[in-house]
Amino acid sequence: MLGFPGVGGVMRDSTAGYVRIPQQPTAVQADTDTRLDQLARALGTRGFAVQRVADMDRWLAYHAAFVACVAAALYRCGTDPGRLAADRPTLTLMCAAVTEAGLGRAALRVQPARLGQHLDHGGITGGIAADQPRIVRHEAV
């Protein structure tokens, strides 16, 4: 059973504090296992956006590669998302890293759909770099 949460957070003592990430619904493997259907329904009834993913292994590999590129760009900007959003050369470098990681147009055809839209309409540099400042500012809230 594979999945990936659409939240970020920390555990403090025995309490989980979390923030929902609207751009990333909770990904749950699409499978014939009824437990996964139950999990997806339970999350959905509690207000969590859920997407069913046919190839969860590929989704996780894609996500890890993409996050590594974004994290490197953030570290280059002192982990300040506002500074990254305003730094066009670093955003361009980040997009080049995403492309070099094999996440470009012809590579993995997986979610997140928003990234796929950028890849299909204008390529990685044109699409992501144009939208990334808004996304970075939003996730920093």
Protein backbone atom coordinates (compact mmCIF):
# COMPACT_ATOMS: atom_id res chain seq x y z
CA MET A 1 0.00 0.00 0.00
CA LEU A 2 1.62 3.21 -1.17
CA GLY A 3 0.67 6.84 -0.76
CA PHE A 4 2.01 10.30 -0.17
CA PRO A 5 0.35 12.94 2.01
CA GLY A 6 -0.77 16.30 0.68
CA VAL A 7 0.20 17.90 3.97
CA GLY A 8 3.38 19.05 5.65
CA GLY A 9 3.97 19.24 9.36
CA VAL A 10 5.71 18.14 12.50
CA MET A 11 5.08 15.91 15.49
CA ARG A 12 5.34 17.63 18.88
CA ASP A 13 5.01 15.24 21.78
CA SER A 14 2.05 13.11 20.70
CA THR A 15 0.33 15.76 18.58
CA ALA A 16 0.62 16.15 14.81
CA GLY A 17 0.57 19.73 13.58
CA TYR A 18 0.04 20.03 9.84
CA VAL A 19 -0.78 22.39 6.99
CA ARG A 20 -2.62 21.23 3.87
CA ILE A 21 -0.78 21.84 0.59
CA PRO A 22 -3.48 22.71 -1.97
CA GLN A 23 -1.18 22.14 -4.96
CA GLN A 24 -0.53 18.57 -3.85
CA PRO A 25 -3.49 16.34 -3.09
CA THR A 26 -2.79 13.24 -1.06
CA ALA A 27 -1.71 10.60 -3.57
CA VAL A 28 -3.00 7.07 -2.99
CA GLN A 29 -2.13 4.14 -5.21
CA ALA A 30 -4.91 3.14 -7.60
CA ASP A 31 -5.28 -0.55 -7.03
CA THR A 32 -7.86 -3.29 -6.60
CA ASP A 33 -7.14 -3.41 -2.85
CA THR A 34 -10.35 -2.33 -1.13
CA ARG A 35 -8.33 -0.94 1.80
CA LEU A 36 -6.99 1.76 -0.51
CA ASP A 37 -10.53 2.65 -1.55
CA GLN A 38 -11.49 2.88 2.12
CA LEU A 39 -8.47 5.06 2.87
CA ALA A 40 -9.21 7.41 -0.04
CA ARG A 41 -12.87 7.70 1.01
CA ALA A 42 -11.96 8.31 4.66
CA LEU A 43 -9.55 11.09 3.72
CA GLY A 44 -12.05 12.60 1.28
CA THR A 45 -14.86 12.68 3.84
CA ARG A 46 -12.54 14.56 6.16
CA GLY A 47 -11.87 17.25 3.59
CA PHE A 48 -8.57 16.06 2.16
CA ALA A 49 -8.14 16.20 -1.61
CA VAL A 50 -7.14 12.75 -2.87
CA GLN A 51 -5.80 11.63 -6.23
CA ARG A 52 -5.50 7.98 -7.20
CA VAL A 53 -2.19 7.22 -8.91
CA ALA A 54 -1.77 4.19 -11.17
CA ASP A 55 2.04 3.98 -10.83
CA MET A 56 2.90 5.10 -7.31
CA ASP A 57 6.55 4.00 -7.54
CA ARG A 58 7.05 6.29 -10.52
CA TRP A 59 5.10 9.11 -8.82
CA LEU A 60 7.36 8.90 -5.75
CA ALA A 61 10.55 8.89 -7.86
CA TYR A 62 9.28 11.88 -9.84
CA HIS A 63 8.31 13.74 -6.68
CA ALA A 64 11.70 13.11 -5.05
CA ALA A 65 13.60 14.38 -8.10
CA PHE A 66 11.41 17.48 -8.39
CA VAL A 67 11.64 18.30 -4.67
CA ALA A 68 15.44 17.90 -4.76
CA CYS A 69 15.64 20.54 -7.51
CA VAL A 70 13.36 22.94 -5.64
CA ALA A 71 15.22 22.37 -2.37
CA ALA A 72 18.56 23.11 -4.03
CA ALA A 73 17.16 26.40 -5.35
CA LEU A 74 15.81 27.27 -1.91
CA TYR A 75 19.16 26.55 -0.25
CA ARG A 76 20.84 28.77 -2.83
CA CYS A 77 18.52 31.56 -1.60
CA GLY A 78 19.07 30.93 2.10
CA THR A 79 15.87 28.84 2.36
CA ASP A 80 13.85 32.02 1.86
CA PRO A 81 10.95 31.33 -0.54
CA GLY A 82 10.35 35.05 -1.06
CA ARG A 83 13.95 35.53 -2.10
CA LEU A 84 13.72 32.55 -4.47
CA ALA A 85 10.50 33.92 -5.96
CA ALA A 86 12.32 37.17 -6.80
CA ASP A 87 15.50 35.50 -8.11
CA ARG A 88 14.83 34.85 -11.80
CA PRO A 89 18.33 33.39 -12.53
CA THR A 90 17.95 30.82 -9.73
CA LEU A 91 14.41 29.95 -10.88
CA THR A 92 15.77 29.43 -14.38
CA LEU A 93 18.58 27.25 -12.98
CA MET A 94 16.01 25.28 -10.96
CA CYS A 95 13.98 24.66 -14.11
CA ALA A 96 17.09 23.53 -15.96
CA ALA A 97 17.81 21.11 -13.08
CA VAL A 98 14.28 19.72 -13.30
CA THR A 99 14.76 19.17 -17.02
CA GLU A 100 18.21 17.60 -16.51
CA ALA A 101 16.77 15.29 -13.86
CA GLY A 102 14.67 13.76 -16.62
CA LEU A 103 11.45 15.46 -15.65
CA GLY A 104 11.05 17.26 -18.94
CA ARG A 105 8.31 16.99 -21.54
CA ALA A 106 8.92 13.41 -22.73
CA ALA A 107 9.86 11.92 -19.36
CA LEU A 108 7.58 10.62 -16.65
CA ARG A 109 3.90 11.15 -17.44
CA VAL A 110 2.66 11.37 -13.86
CA GLN A 111 1.18 13.86 -11.44
CA PRO A 112 1.28 16.54 -10.22
CA ALA A 113 -0.98 17.60 -13.06
CA ARG A 114 -0.12 21.28 -12.60
CA LEU A 115 3.52 20.58 -13.45
CA GLY A 116 2.41 18.43 -16.38
CA GLN A 117 0.41 21.37 -17.72
CA HIS A 118 3.56 23.52 -17.70
CA LEU A 119 5.55 20.82 -19.43
CA ASP A 120 2.91 20.47 -22.14
CA HIS A 121 2.35 24.22 -22.62
CA GLY A 122 5.57 26.13 -23.07
CA GLY A 123 8.11 23.71 -21.71
CA ILE A 124 9.72 23.59 -18.32
CA THR A 125 11.55 26.91 -18.44
CA GLY A 126 8.70 28.97 -19.84
CA GLY A 127 5.89 27.41 -17.84
CA ILE A 128 7.36 26.77 -14.43
CA ALA A 129 9.53 29.87 -14.22
CA ALA A 130 6.54 32.05 -15.05
CA ASP A 131 4.33 30.46 -12.38
CA GLN A 132 6.88 29.52 -9.71
CA PRO A 133 7.03 32.87 -7.90
CA ARG A 134 3.30 32.68 -7.14
CA ILE A 135 3.53 29.03 -6.08
CA VAL A 136 6.57 29.62 -3.87
CA ARG A 137 4.95 32.60 -2.14
CA HIS A 138 1.74 30.64 -1.61
CA GLU A 139 3.45 27.62 -0.07
CA ALA A 140 5.43 29.85 2.25
CA VAL A 141 2.24 31.09 3.94
